[in-house]
Amino acid sequence: MLPEIPGIPENSPFYDFFKRHMQPFPAPRKSEPKSLGSGFIISSDGYILTNAHVVETADEITVKLNDKREFVAEIIGTDRKTDIALIKIHATDLPKVTQGNPESLKVGEWVIAIGSPFWLRA
């Protein structure tokens, strides 16, 4: 089915030209919305710290590790105010980040957030 030719009367020579040369519009493709984010494995049994905005509207979360393994994750909890989320994959003996002692921090000390959005690798 050809698209409508708006504003051109059927008796116009332009109508015949466009009718002959216009292609039908392709049907819209159905696509699944996807998002990327990064996170840190904080325990060897699969707990991962990430951003709340990354997972807040997700129907399904797939975690891809550097060694190419993939896991489906479940959301354990989120805090929108601090934009933190805790998710869990079912795995064991995972490498994890070493965290500092939060009790030794003082108000006003600098912290850093490190991520790998869009699967960029250093």
PDB file of N, CA and C in Angstrom:
ATOM      1  N   MET A   1       0.833  -1.166   0.000  1.00  0.00           N
ATOM      2  CA  MET A   1       0.000   0.000   0.000  1.00  0.00           C
ATOM      3  C   MET A   1       0.884   1.237   0.000  1.00  0.00           C
ATOM      4  N   LEU A   2       0.602   2.158  -0.895  1.00  0.00           N
ATOM      5  CA  LEU A   2       1.375   3.379  -0.972  1.00  0.00           C
ATOM      6  C   LEU A   2       0.903   4.379   0.067  1.00  0.00           C
ATOM      7  N   PRO A   3       1.843   5.217   0.548  1.00  0.00           N
ATOM      8  CA  PRO A   3       1.428   6.239   1.504  1.00  0.00           C
ATOM      9  C   PRO A   3       0.614   7.312   0.823  1.00  0.00           C
ATOM     10  N   GLU A   4      -0.161   8.013   1.613  1.00  0.00           N
ATOM     11  CA  GLU A   4      -0.933   9.137   1.096  1.00  0.00           C
ATOM     12  C   GLU A   4       0.019  10.216   0.606  1.00  0.00           C
ATOM     13  N   ILE A   5      -0.422  10.957  -0.412  1.00  0.00           N
ATOM     14  CA  ILE A   5       0.369  12.073  -0.920  1.00  0.00           C
ATOM     15  C   ILE A   5      -0.371  13.337  -0.497  1.00  0.00           C
ATOM     16  N   PRO A   6      -0.029  13.888   0.651  1.00  0.00           N
ATOM     17  CA  PRO A   6      -0.822  14.992   1.203  1.00  0.00           C
ATOM     18  C   PRO A   6      -0.659  16.277   0.393  1.00  0.00           C
ATOM     19  N   GLY A   7      -1.765  16.970   0.212  1.00  0.00           N
ATOM     20  CA  GLY A   7      -1.736  18.289  -0.390  1.00  0.00           C
ATOM     21  C   GLY A   7      -1.562  18.324  -1.903  1.00  0.00           C
ATOM     22  N   ILE A   8      -1.547  17.202  -2.571  1.00  0.00           N
ATOM     23  CA  ILE A   8      -1.393  17.189  -4.034  1.00  0.00           C
ATOM     24  C   ILE A   8      -2.654  16.587  -4.628  1.00  0.00           C
ATOM     25  N   PRO A   9      -3.390  17.383  -5.418  1.00  0.00           N
ATOM     26  CA  PRO A   9      -4.625  16.848  -6.000  1.00  0.00           C
ATOM     27  C   PRO A   9      -4.324  15.761  -7.029  1.00  0.00           C
ATOM     28  N   GLU A  10      -5.274  14.842  -7.194  1.00  0.00           N
ATOM     29  CA  GLU A  10      -5.072  13.722  -8.118  1.00  0.00           C
ATOM     30  C   GLU A  10      -4.903  14.163  -9.567  1.00  0.00           C
ATOM     31  N   ASN A  11      -5.409  15.329  -9.945  1.00  0.00           N
ATOM     32  CA  ASN A  11      -5.273  15.777 -11.330  1.00  0.00           C
ATOM     33  C   ASN A  11      -3.963  16.523 -11.567  1.00  0.00           C
ATOM     34  N   SER A  12      -3.091  16.625 -10.562  1.00  0.00           N
ATOM     35  CA  SER A  12      -1.803  17.302 -10.700  1.00  0.00           C
ATOM     36  C   SER A  12      -0.788  16.353 -11.326  1.00  0.00           C
ATOM     37  N   PRO A  13       0.108  16.867 -12.230  1.00  0.00           N
ATOM     38  CA  PRO A  13       1.165  16.010 -12.775  1.00  0.00           C
ATOM     39  C   PRO A  13       2.117  15.518 -11.691  1.00  0.00           C
ATOM     40  N   PHE A  14       2.234  16.274 -10.623  1.00  0.00           N
ATOM     41  CA  PHE A  14       3.095  15.827  -9.521  1.00  0.00           C
ATOM     42  C   PHE A  14       2.520  14.600  -8.822  1.00  0.00           C
ATOM     43  N   TYR A  15       1.189  14.506  -8.812  1.00  0.00           N
ATOM     44  CA  TYR A  15       0.543  13.353  -8.180  1.00  0.00           C
ATOM     45  C   TYR A  15       0.979  12.067  -8.888  1.00  0.00           C
ATOM     46  N   ASP A  16       0.918  12.064 -10.222  1.00  0.00           N
ATOM     47  CA  ASP A  16       1.339  10.877 -10.985  1.00  0.00           C
ATOM     48  C   ASP A  16       2.817  10.568 -10.757  1.00  0.00           C
ATOM     49  N   PHE A  17       3.639  11.624 -10.716  1.00  0.00           N
ATOM     50  CA  PHE A  17       5.078  11.415 -10.502  1.00  0.00           C
ATOM     51  C   PHE A  17       5.322  10.736  -9.155  1.00  0.00           C
ATOM     52  N   PHE A  18       4.738  11.308  -8.099  1.00  0.00           N
ATOM     53  CA  PHE A  18       4.960  10.733  -6.772  1.00  0.00           C
ATOM     54  C   PHE A  18       4.344   9.345  -6.642  1.00  0.00           C
ATOM     55  N   LYS A  19       3.196   9.135  -7.281  1.00  0.00           N
ATOM     56  CA  LYS A  19       2.551   7.826  -7.226  1.00  0.00           C
ATOM     57  C   LYS A  19       3.442   6.765  -7.876  1.00  0.00           C
ATOM     58  N   ARG A  20       4.101   7.146  -8.974  1.00  0.00           N
ATOM     59  CA  ARG A  20       4.970   6.207  -9.686  1.00  0.00           C
ATOM     60  C   ARG A  20       6.264   5.921  -8.930  1.00  0.00           C
ATOM     61  N   HIS A  21       6.814   6.936  -8.275  1.00  0.00           N
ATOM     62  CA  HIS A  21       8.169   6.814  -7.730  1.00  0.00           C
ATOM     63  C   HIS A  21       8.241   6.619  -6.219  1.00  0.00           C
ATOM     64  N   MET A  22       7.154   6.816  -5.532  1.00  0.00           N
ATOM     65  CA  MET A  22       7.201   6.611  -4.080  1.00  0.00           C
ATOM     66  C   MET A  22       7.117   5.129  -3.757  1.00  0.00           C
ATOM     67  N   GLN A  23       7.921   4.733  -2.816  1.00  0.00           N
ATOM     68  CA  GLN A  23       7.904   3.351  -2.347  1.00  0.00           C
ATOM     69  C   GLN A  23       7.008   3.273  -1.110  1.00  0.00           C
ATOM     70  N   PRO A  24       6.412   2.126  -0.888  1.00  0.00           N
ATOM     71  CA  PRO A  24       5.629   1.983   0.346  1.00  0.00           C
ATOM     72  C   PRO A  24       6.540   2.139   1.564  1.00  0.00           C
ATOM     73  N   PHE A  25       5.999   2.696   2.620  1.00  0.00           N
ATOM     74  CA  PHE A  25       6.768   2.810   3.853  1.00  0.00           C
ATOM     75  C   PHE A  25       6.927   1.418   4.454  1.00  0.00           C
ATOM     76  N   PRO A  26       8.123   1.086   4.910  1.00  0.00           N
ATOM     77  CA  PRO A  26       8.277  -0.230   5.544  1.00  0.00           C
ATOM     78  C   PRO A  26       7.506  -0.275   6.860  1.00  0.00           C
ATOM     79  N   ALA A  27       7.067  -1.451   7.196  1.00  0.00           N
ATOM     80  CA  ALA A  27       6.364  -1.624   8.474  1.00  0.00           C
ATOM     81  C   ALA A  27       7.333  -1.313   9.603  1.00  0.00           C
ATOM     82  N   PRO A  28       6.869  -0.646  10.634  1.00  0.00           N
ATOM     83  CA  PRO A  28       7.777  -0.343  11.744  1.00  0.00           C
ATOM     84  C   PRO A  28       8.291  -1.629  12.375  1.00  0.00           C
ATOM     85  N   ARG A  29       9.587  -1.632  12.658  1.00  0.00           N
ATOM     86  CA  ARG A  29      10.180  -2.808  13.289  1.00  0.00           C
ATOM     87  C   ARG A  29       9.924  -2.758  14.781  1.00  0.00           C
ATOM     88  N   LYS A  30       9.629  -3.917  15.317  1.00  0.00           N
ATOM     89  CA  LYS A  30       9.468  -4.001  16.760  1.00  0.00           C
ATOM     90  C   LYS A  30      10.850  -4.213  17.355  1.00  0.00           C
ATOM     91  N   SER A  31      11.210  -3.356  18.267  1.00  0.00           N
ATOM     92  CA  SER A  31      12.504  -3.502  18.908  1.00  0.00           C
ATOM     93  C   SER A  31      12.322  -3.512  20.412  1.00  0.00           C
ATOM     94  N   GLU A  32      13.236  -4.182  21.046  1.00  0.00           N
ATOM     95  CA  GLU A  32      13.210  -4.234  22.493  1.00  0.00           C
ATOM     96  C   GLU A  32      14.075  -3.101  23.022  1.00  0.00           C
ATOM     97  N   PRO A  33      13.537  -2.307  23.930  1.00  0.00           N
ATOM     98  CA  PRO A  33      14.384  -1.261  24.500  1.00  0.00           C
ATOM     99  C   PRO A  33      15.501  -1.893  25.311  1.00  0.00           C
ATOM    100  N   LYS A  34      16.688  -1.348  25.166  1.00  0.00           N
ATOM    101  CA  LYS A  34      17.841  -1.868  25.890  1.00  0.00           C
ATOM    102  C   LYS A  34      18.579  -0.714  26.537  1.00  0.00           C
ATOM    103  N   SER A  35      19.257  -1.028  27.580  1.00  0.00           N
ATOM    104  CA  SER A  35      20.046  -0.042  28.285  1.00  0.00           C
ATOM    105  C   SER A  35      21.344  -0.706  28.714  1.00  0.00           C
ATOM    106  N   LEU A  36      22.359   0.100  28.885  1.00  0.00           N
ATOM    107  CA  LEU A  36      23.638  -0.418  29.350  1.00  0.00           C
ATOM    108  C   LEU A  36      24.000   0.265  30.648  1.00  0.00           C
ATOM    109  N   GLY A  37      24.716  -0.434  31.455  1.00  0.00           N
ATOM    110  CA  GLY A  37      25.201   0.129  32.696  1.00  0.00           C
ATOM    111  C   GLY A  37      26.423  -0.641  33.138  1.00  0.00           C
ATOM    112  N   SER A  38      26.969  -0.242  34.235  1.00  0.00           N
ATOM    113  CA  SER A  38      28.128  -0.936  34.773  1.00  0.00           C
ATOM    114  C   SER A  38      27.900  -1.169  36.251  1.00  0.00           C
ATOM    115  N   GLY A  39      28.741  -1.982  36.827  1.00  0.00           N
ATOM    116  CA  GLY A  39      28.611  -2.266  38.237  1.00  0.00           C
ATOM    117  C   GLY A  39      29.846  -2.962  38.765  1.00  0.00           C
ATOM    118  N   PHE A  40      29.834  -3.228  40.071  1.00  0.00           N
ATOM    119  CA  PHE A  40      30.944  -3.896  40.733  1.00  0.00           C
ATOM    120  C   PHE A  40      30.433  -5.127  41.447  1.00  0.00           C
ATOM    121  N   ILE A  41      31.125  -6.230  41.274  1.00  0.00           N
ATOM    122  CA  ILE A  41      30.820  -7.430  42.065  1.00  0.00           C
ATOM    123  C   ILE A  41      31.394  -7.161  43.450  1.00  0.00           C
ATOM    124  N   ILE A  42      30.529  -7.179  44.460  1.00  0.00           N
ATOM    125  CA  ILE A  42      30.995  -6.857  45.811  1.00  0.00           C
ATOM    126  C   ILE A  42      31.072  -8.081  46.723  1.00  0.00           C
ATOM    127  N   SER A  43      30.587  -9.235  46.233  1.00  0.00           N
ATOM    128  CA  SER A  43      30.754 -10.466  46.994  1.00  0.00           C
ATOM    129  C   SER A  43      30.911 -11.618  46.014  1.00  0.00           C
ATOM    130  N   SER A  44      31.705 -12.593  46.402  1.00  0.00           N
ATOM    131  CA  SER A  44      32.013 -13.701  45.489  1.00  0.00           C
ATOM    132  C   SER A  44      30.801 -14.578  45.192  1.00  0.00           C
ATOM    133  N   ASP A  45      29.696 -14.387  45.952  1.00  0.00           N
ATOM    134  CA  ASP A  45      28.494 -15.175  45.683  1.00  0.00           C
ATOM    135  C   ASP A  45      27.475 -14.424  44.822  1.00  0.00           C
ATOM    136  N   GLY A  46      27.908 -13.330  44.156  1.00  0.00           N
ATOM    137  CA  GLY A  46      27.076 -12.746  43.121  1.00  0.00           C
ATOM    138  C   GLY A  46      26.348 -11.455  43.392  1.00  0.00           C
ATOM    139  N   TYR A  47      26.624 -10.777  44.495  1.00  0.00           N
ATOM    140  CA  TYR A  47      25.989  -9.485  44.730  1.00  0.00           C
ATOM    141  C   TYR A  47      26.756  -8.413  43.963  1.00  0.00           C
ATOM    142  N   ILE A  48      26.006  -7.567  43.254  1.00  0.00           N
ATOM    143  CA  ILE A  48      26.605  -6.554  42.391  1.00  0.00           C
ATOM    144  C   ILE A  48      25.992  -5.200  42.714  1.00  0.00           C
ATOM    145  N   LEU A  49      26.849  -4.199  42.865  1.00  0.00           N
ATOM    146  CA  LEU A  49      26.420  -2.827  43.105  1.00  0.00           C
ATOM    147  C   LEU A  49      26.399  -2.092  41.765  1.00  0.00           C
ATOM    148  N   THR A  50      25.290  -1.445  41.464  1.00  0.00           N
ATOM    149  CA  THR A  50      25.142  -0.697  40.222  1.00  0.00           C
ATOM    150  C   THR A  50      24.309   0.548  40.497  1.00  0.00           C
ATOM    151  N   ASN A  51      23.880   1.242  39.446  1.00  0.00           N
ATOM    152  CA  ASN A  51      23.059   2.441  39.613  1.00  0.00           C
ATOM    153  C   ASN A  51      21.582   2.091  39.553  1.00  0.00           C
ATOM    154  N   ALA A  52      20.801   2.752  40.385  1.00  0.00           N
ATOM    155  CA  ALA A  52      19.359   2.519  40.403  1.00  0.00           C
ATOM    156  C   ALA A  52      18.715   2.893  39.073  1.00  0.00           C
ATOM    157  N   HIS A  53      19.189   3.984  38.435  1.00  0.00           N
ATOM    158  CA  HIS A  53      18.570   4.393  37.181  1.00  0.00           C
ATOM    159  C   HIS A  53      18.791   3.380  36.063  1.00  0.00           C
ATOM    160  N   VAL A  54      19.793   2.540  36.201  1.00  0.00           N
ATOM    161  CA  VAL A  54      20.066   1.523  35.184  1.00  0.00           C
ATOM    162  C   VAL A  54      19.039   0.398  35.242  1.00  0.00           C
ATOM    163  N   VAL A  55      18.584   0.055  36.433  1.00  0.00           N
ATOM    164  CA  VAL A  55      17.715  -1.111  36.593  1.00  0.00           C
ATOM    165  C   VAL A  55      16.266  -0.782  36.908  1.00  0.00           C
ATOM    166  N   GLU A  56      15.949   0.505  37.176  1.00  0.00           N
ATOM    167  CA  GLU A  56      14.629   0.826  37.717  1.00  0.00           C
ATOM    168  C   GLU A  56      13.465   0.476  36.799  1.00  0.00           C
ATOM    169  N   THR A  57      13.634   0.495  35.505  1.00  0.00           N
ATOM    170  CA  THR A  57      12.521   0.167  34.604  1.00  0.00           C
ATOM    171  C   THR A  57      12.747  -1.154  33.868  1.00  0.00           C
ATOM    172  N   ALA A  58      13.729  -1.912  34.288  1.00  0.00           N
ATOM    173  CA  ALA A  58      14.082  -3.150  33.582  1.00  0.00           C
ATOM    174  C   ALA A  58      13.080  -4.268  33.860  1.00  0.00           C
ATOM    175  N   ASP A  59      12.704  -4.960  32.801  1.00  0.00           N
ATOM    176  CA  ASP A  59      11.918  -6.179  32.953  1.00  0.00           C
ATOM    177  C   ASP A  59      12.837  -7.368  33.191  1.00  0.00           C
ATOM    178  N   GLU A  60      14.021  -7.292  32.594  1.00  0.00           N
ATOM    179  CA  GLU A  60      15.014  -8.355  32.746  1.00  0.00           C
ATOM    180  C   GLU A  60      16.394  -7.712  32.752  1.00  0.00           C
ATOM    181  N   ILE A  61      17.272  -8.218  33.604  1.00  0.00           N
ATOM    182  CA  ILE A  61      18.629  -7.695  33.701  1.00  0.00           C
ATOM    183  C   ILE A  61      19.591  -8.812  33.358  1.00  0.00           C
ATOM    184  N   THR A  62      20.442  -8.567  32.371  1.00  0.00           N
ATOM    185  CA  THR A  62      21.475  -9.520  31.995  1.00  0.00           C
ATOM    186  C   THR A  62      22.820  -8.937  32.373  1.00  0.00           C
ATOM    187  N   VAL A  63      23.595  -9.684  33.135  1.00  0.00           N
ATOM    188  CA  VAL A  63      24.930  -9.268  33.543  1.00  0.00           C
ATOM    189  C   VAL A  63      25.932 -10.017  32.676  1.00  0.00           C
ATOM    190  N   LYS A  64      26.815  -9.262  32.043  1.00  0.00           N
ATOM    191  CA  LYS A  64      27.879  -9.853  31.221  1.00  0.00           C
ATOM    192  C   LYS A  64      29.206  -9.578  31.899  1.00  0.00           C
ATOM    193  N   LEU A  65      29.927 -10.642  32.200  1.00  0.00           N
ATOM    194  CA  LEU A  65      31.230 -10.505  32.845  1.00  0.00           C
ATOM    195  C   LEU A  65      32.331 -10.398  31.800  1.00  0.00           C
ATOM    196  N   ASN A  66      33.506  -9.940  32.239  1.00  0.00           N
ATOM    197  CA  ASN A  66      34.635  -9.800  31.317  1.00  0.00           C
ATOM    198  C   ASN A  66      35.032 -11.112  30.667  1.00  0.00           C
ATOM    199  N   ASP A  67      34.781 -12.225  31.339  1.00  0.00           N
ATOM    200  CA  ASP A  67      35.144 -13.530  30.763  1.00  0.00           C
ATOM    201  C   ASP A  67      34.056 -14.074  29.825  1.00  0.00           C
ATOM    202  N   LYS A  68      33.127 -13.216  29.424  1.00  0.00           N
ATOM    203  CA  LYS A  68      32.070 -13.505  28.449  1.00  0.00           C
ATOM    204  C   LYS A  68      30.886 -14.293  29.017  1.00  0.00           C
ATOM    205  N   ARG A  69      30.905 -14.668  30.291  1.00  0.00           N
ATOM    206  CA  ARG A  69      29.752 -15.348  30.875  1.00  0.00           C
ATOM    207  C   ARG A  69      28.618 -14.353  31.053  1.00  0.00           C
ATOM    208  N   GLU A  70      27.391 -14.858  30.928  1.00  0.00           N
ATOM    209  CA  GLU A  70      26.209 -14.028  31.102  1.00  0.00           C
ATOM    210  C   GLU A  70      25.283 -14.657  32.132  1.00  0.00           C
ATOM    211  N   PHE A  71      24.659 -13.811  32.944  1.00  0.00           N
ATOM    212  CA  PHE A  71      23.743 -14.259  33.985  1.00  0.00           C
ATOM    213  C   PHE A  71      22.518 -13.358  34.000  1.00  0.00           C
ATOM    214  N   VAL A  72      21.390 -13.918  34.329  1.00  0.00           N
ATOM    215  CA  VAL A  72      20.200 -13.115  34.582  1.00  0.00           C
ATOM    216  C   VAL A  72      20.261 -12.706  36.047  1.00  0.00           C
ATOM    217  N   ALA A  73      20.014 -11.424  36.302  1.00  0.00           N
ATOM    218  CA  ALA A  73      20.108 -10.902  37.668  1.00  0.00           C
ATOM    219  C   ALA A  73      18.733 -10.541  38.198  1.00  0.00           C
ATOM    220  N   GLU A  74      18.627 -10.555  39.518  1.00  0.00           N
ATOM    221  CA  GLU A  74      17.405 -10.083  40.164  1.00  0.00           C
ATOM    222  C   GLU A  74      17.749  -8.855  41.002  1.00  0.00           C
ATOM    223  N   ILE A  75      16.798  -7.947  41.102  1.00  0.00           N
ATOM    224  CA  ILE A  75      17.005  -6.742  41.899  1.00  0.00           C
ATOM    225  C   ILE A  75      16.743  -7.082  43.359  1.00  0.00           C
ATOM    226  N   ILE A  76      17.725  -6.805  44.191  1.00  0.00           N
ATOM    227  CA  ILE A  76      17.584  -7.018  45.631  1.00  0.00           C
ATOM    228  C   ILE A  76      17.012  -5.770  46.282  1.00  0.00           C
ATOM    229  N   GLY A  77      17.493  -4.614  45.845  1.00  0.00           N
ATOM    230  CA  GLY A  77      16.992  -3.360  46.400  1.00  0.00           C
ATOM    231  C   GLY A  77      17.551  -2.172  45.650  1.00  0.00           C
ATOM    232  N   THR A  78      16.865  -1.041  45.751  1.00  0.00           N
ATOM    233  CA  THR A  78      17.328   0.191  45.115  1.00  0.00           C
ATOM    234  C   THR A  78      17.105   1.368  46.056  1.00  0.00           C
ATOM    235  N   ASP A  79      17.901   2.396  45.863  1.00  0.00           N
ATOM    236  CA  ASP A  79      17.714   3.658  46.570  1.00  0.00           C
ATOM    237  C   ASP A  79      17.832   4.759  45.523  1.00  0.00           C
ATOM    238  N   ARG A  80      16.697   5.324  45.136  1.00  0.00           N
ATOM    239  CA  ARG A  80      16.684   6.344  44.089  1.00  0.00           C
ATOM    240  C   ARG A  80      17.403   7.613  44.518  1.00  0.00           C
ATOM    241  N   LYS A  81      17.340   7.932  45.806  1.00  0.00           N
ATOM    242  CA  LYS A  81      17.955   9.171  46.287  1.00  0.00           C
ATOM    243  C   LYS A  81      19.468   9.163  46.061  1.00  0.00           C
ATOM    244  N   THR A  82      20.106   8.034  46.330  1.00  0.00           N
ATOM    245  CA  THR A  82      21.553   7.931  46.120  1.00  0.00           C
ATOM    246  C   THR A  82      21.907   7.257  44.803  1.00  0.00           C
ATOM    247  N   ASP A  83      20.892   6.850  44.033  1.00  0.00           N
ATOM    248  CA  ASP A  83      21.065   6.194  42.731  1.00  0.00           C
ATOM    249  C   ASP A  83      21.909   4.926  42.834  1.00  0.00           C
ATOM    250  N   ILE A  84      21.622   4.130  43.840  1.00  0.00           N
ATOM    251  CA  ILE A  84      22.339   2.872  44.060  1.00  0.00           C
ATOM    252  C   ILE A  84      21.347   1.717  43.976  1.00  0.00           C
ATOM    253  N   ALA A  85      21.801   0.626  43.388  1.00  0.00           N
ATOM    254  CA  ALA A  85      20.996  -0.593  43.343  1.00  0.00           C
ATOM    255  C   ALA A  85      21.876  -1.791  43.666  1.00  0.00           C
ATOM    256  N   LEU A  86      21.285  -2.769  44.297  1.00  0.00           N
ATOM    257  CA  LEU A  86      21.961  -4.024  44.576  1.00  0.00           C
ATOM    258  C   LEU A  86      21.229  -5.100  43.792  1.00  0.00           C
ATOM    259  N   ILE A  87      21.983  -5.820  42.951  1.00  0.00           N
ATOM    260  CA  ILE A  87      21.408  -6.918  42.183  1.00  0.00           C
ATOM    261  C   ILE A  87      22.174  -8.186  42.512  1.00  0.00           C
ATOM    262  N   LYS A  88      21.613  -9.327  42.144  1.00  0.00           N
ATOM    263  CA  LYS A  88      22.228 -10.614  42.482  1.00  0.00           C
ATOM    264  C   LYS A  88      22.170 -11.545  41.294  1.00  0.00           C
ATOM    265  N   ILE A  89      23.307 -12.188  41.016  1.00  0.00           N
ATOM    266  CA  ILE A  89      23.344 -13.258  40.016  1.00  0.00           C
ATOM    267  C   ILE A  89      23.638 -14.561  40.756  1.00  0.00           C
ATOM    268  N   HIS A  90      23.226 -15.657  40.178  1.00  0.00           N
ATOM    269  CA  HIS A  90      23.470 -16.956  40.805  1.00  0.00           C
ATOM    270  C   HIS A  90      24.782 -17.516  40.271  1.00  0.00           C
ATOM    271  N   ALA A  91      25.836 -17.261  41.024  1.00  0.00           N
ATOM    272  CA  ALA A  91      27.176 -17.712  40.673  1.00  0.00           C
ATOM    273  C   ALA A  91      27.994 -17.778  41.956  1.00  0.00           C
ATOM    274  N   THR A  92      29.116 -18.472  41.891  1.00  0.00           N
ATOM    275  CA  THR A  92      29.999 -18.576  43.048  1.00  0.00           C
ATOM    276  C   THR A  92      31.431 -18.331  42.608  1.00  0.00           C
ATOM    277  N   ASP A  93      32.296 -18.107  43.566  1.00  0.00           N
ATOM    278  CA  ASP A  93      33.732 -17.900  43.334  1.00  0.00           C
ATOM    279  C   ASP A  93      34.013 -16.786  42.332  1.00  0.00           C
ATOM    280  N   LEU A  94      33.249 -15.722  42.407  1.00  0.00           N
ATOM    281  CA  LEU A  94      33.451 -14.595  41.504  1.00  0.00           C
ATOM    282  C   LEU A  94      34.538 -13.665  42.045  1.00  0.00           C
ATOM    283  N   PRO A  95      35.294 -13.041  41.145  1.00  0.00           N
ATOM    284  CA  PRO A  95      36.236 -12.022  41.627  1.00  0.00           C
ATOM    285  C   PRO A  95      35.440 -10.821  42.135  1.00  0.00           C
ATOM    286  N   LYS A  96      35.922 -10.171  43.166  1.00  0.00           N
ATOM    287  CA  LYS A  96      35.161  -9.053  43.728  1.00  0.00           C
ATOM    288  C   LYS A  96      36.097  -7.887  43.999  1.00  0.00           C
ATOM    289  N   VAL A  97      35.505  -6.698  44.090  1.00  0.00           N
ATOM    290  CA  VAL A  97      36.309  -5.527  44.423  1.00  0.00           C
ATOM    291  C   VAL A  97      36.578  -5.510  45.925  1.00  0.00           C
ATOM    292  N   THR A  98      37.689  -4.955  46.287  1.00  0.00           N
ATOM    293  CA  THR A  98      38.011  -4.784  47.693  1.00  0.00           C
ATOM    294  C   THR A  98      37.520  -3.405  48.100  1.00  0.00           C
ATOM    295  N   GLN A  99      36.739  -3.363  49.139  1.00  0.00           N
ATOM    296  CA  GLN A  99      36.175  -2.107  49.603  1.00  0.00           C
ATOM    297  C   GLN A  99      36.932  -1.607  50.825  1.00  0.00           C
ATOM    298  N   GLY A 100      36.918  -0.297  50.963  1.00  0.00           N
ATOM    299  CA  GLY A 100      37.516   0.297  52.153  1.00  0.00           C
ATOM    300  C   GLY A 100      36.591   0.154  53.337  1.00  0.00           C
ATOM    301  N   ASN A 101      37.051   0.611  54.460  1.00  0.00           N
ATOM    302  CA  ASN A 101      36.265   0.554  55.679  1.00  0.00           C
ATOM    303  C   ASN A 101      35.433   1.827  55.786  1.00  0.00           C
ATOM    304  N   PRO A 102      34.102   1.719  55.631  1.00  0.00           N
ATOM    305  CA  PRO A 102      33.282   2.922  55.671  1.00  0.00           C
ATOM    306  C   PRO A 102      33.309   3.625  57.028  1.00  0.00           C
ATOM    307  N   GLU A 103      33.660   2.913  58.094  1.00  0.00           N
ATOM    308  CA  GLU A 103      33.722   3.525  59.422  1.00  0.00           C
ATOM    309  C   GLU A 103      34.897   4.494  59.539  1.00  0.00           C
ATOM    310  N   SER A 104      35.891   4.351  58.670  1.00  0.00           N
ATOM    311  CA  SER A 104      37.044   5.246  58.746  1.00  0.00           C
ATOM    312  C   SER A 104      36.857   6.518  57.920  1.00  0.00           C
ATOM    313  N   LEU A 105      35.757   6.606  57.163  1.00  0.00           N
ATOM    314  CA  LEU A 105      35.488   7.804  56.371  1.00  0.00           C
ATOM    315  C   LEU A 105      34.991   8.934  57.251  1.00  0.00           C
ATOM    316  N   LYS A 106      35.318  10.146  56.833  1.00  0.00           N
ATOM    317  CA  LYS A 106      34.836  11.331  57.539  1.00  0.00           C
ATOM    318  C   LYS A 106      34.005  12.162  56.571  1.00  0.00           C
ATOM    319  N   VAL A 107      33.024  12.861  57.092  1.00  0.00           N
ATOM    320  CA  VAL A 107      32.178  13.717  56.275  1.00  0.00           C
ATOM    321  C   VAL A 107      33.062  14.695  55.504  1.00  0.00           C
ATOM    322  N   GLY A 108      32.802  14.806  54.216  1.00  0.00           N
ATOM    323  CA  GLY A 108      33.546  15.731  53.362  1.00  0.00           C
ATOM    324  C   GLY A 108      34.718  15.105  52.634  1.00  0.00           C
ATOM    325  N   GLU A 109      35.063  13.857  52.953  1.00  0.00           N
ATOM    326  CA  GLU A 109      36.162  13.210  52.241  1.00  0.00           C
ATOM    327  C   GLU A 109      35.741  12.909  50.804  1.00  0.00           C
ATOM    328  N   TRP A 110      36.711  12.922  49.930  1.00  0.00           N
ATOM    329  CA  TRP A 110      36.466  12.647  48.520  1.00  0.00           C
ATOM    330  C   TRP A 110      36.259  11.155  48.298  1.00  0.00           C
ATOM    331  N   VAL A 111      35.340  10.831  47.402  1.00  0.00           N
ATOM    332  CA  VAL A 111      35.147   9.459  46.941  1.00  0.00           C
ATOM    333  C   VAL A 111      35.100   9.511  45.418  1.00  0.00           C
ATOM    334  N   ILE A 112      35.204   8.381  44.799  1.00  0.00           N
ATOM    335  CA  ILE A 112      35.184   8.345  43.341  1.00  0.00           C
ATOM    336  C   ILE A 112      34.251   7.233  42.873  1.00  0.00           C
ATOM    337  N   ALA A 113      33.519   7.512  41.823  1.00  0.00           N
ATOM    338  CA  ALA A 113      32.662   6.502  41.202  1.00  0.00           C
ATOM    339  C   ALA A 113      33.288   6.138  39.862  1.00  0.00           C
ATOM    340  N   ILE A 114      33.504   4.875  39.660  1.00  0.00           N
ATOM    341  CA  ILE A 114      34.137   4.407  38.427  1.00  0.00           C
ATOM    342  C   ILE A 114      33.183   3.449  37.748  1.00  0.00           C
ATOM    343  N   GLY A 115      33.001   3.615  36.465  1.00  0.00           N
ATOM    344  CA  GLY A 115      32.103   2.731  35.724  1.00  0.00           C
ATOM    345  C   GLY A 115      32.620   2.482  34.323  1.00  0.00           C
ATOM    346  N   SER A 116      31.847   1.719  33.592  1.00  0.00           N
ATOM    347  CA  SER A 116      32.201   1.398  32.219  1.00  0.00           C
ATOM    348  C   SER A 116      30.952   1.466  31.368  1.00  0.00           C
ATOM    349  N   PRO A 117      30.394   2.677  31.189  1.00  0.00           N
ATOM    350  CA  PRO A 117      29.167   2.764  30.386  1.00  0.00           C
ATOM    351  C   PRO A 117      29.441   2.427  28.931  1.00  0.00           C
ATOM    352  N   PHE A 118      28.432   1.924  28.261  1.00  0.00           N
ATOM    353  CA  PHE A 118      28.506   1.590  26.832  1.00  0.00           C
ATOM    354  C   PHE A 118      29.576   0.547  26.527  1.00  0.00           C
ATOM    355  N   TRP A 119      29.956  -0.241  27.530  1.00  0.00           N
ATOM    356  CA  TRP A 119      30.910  -1.335  27.355  1.00  0.00           C
ATOM    357  C   TRP A 119      32.277  -0.857  26.897  1.00  0.00           C
ATOM    358  N   LEU A 120      32.644   0.367  27.265  1.00  0.00           N
ATOM    359  CA  LEU A 120      33.976   0.869  26.936  1.00  0.00           C
ATOM    360  C   LEU A 120      34.992   0.147  27.783  1.00  0.00           C
ATOM    361  N   ARG A 121      36.097  -0.165  27.190  1.00  0.00           N
ATOM    362  CA  ARG A 121      37.174  -0.855  27.911  1.00  0.00           C
ATOM    363  C   ARG A 121      38.414   0.034  27.893  1.00  0.00           C
ATOM    364  N   ALA A 122      39.102   0.059  29.003  1.00  0.00           N
ATOM    365  CA  ALA A 122      40.332   0.867  29.090  1.00  0.00           C
ATOM    366  C   ALA A 122      41.470   0.157  28.397  1.00  0.00           C
TER     367      ALA A 122
END
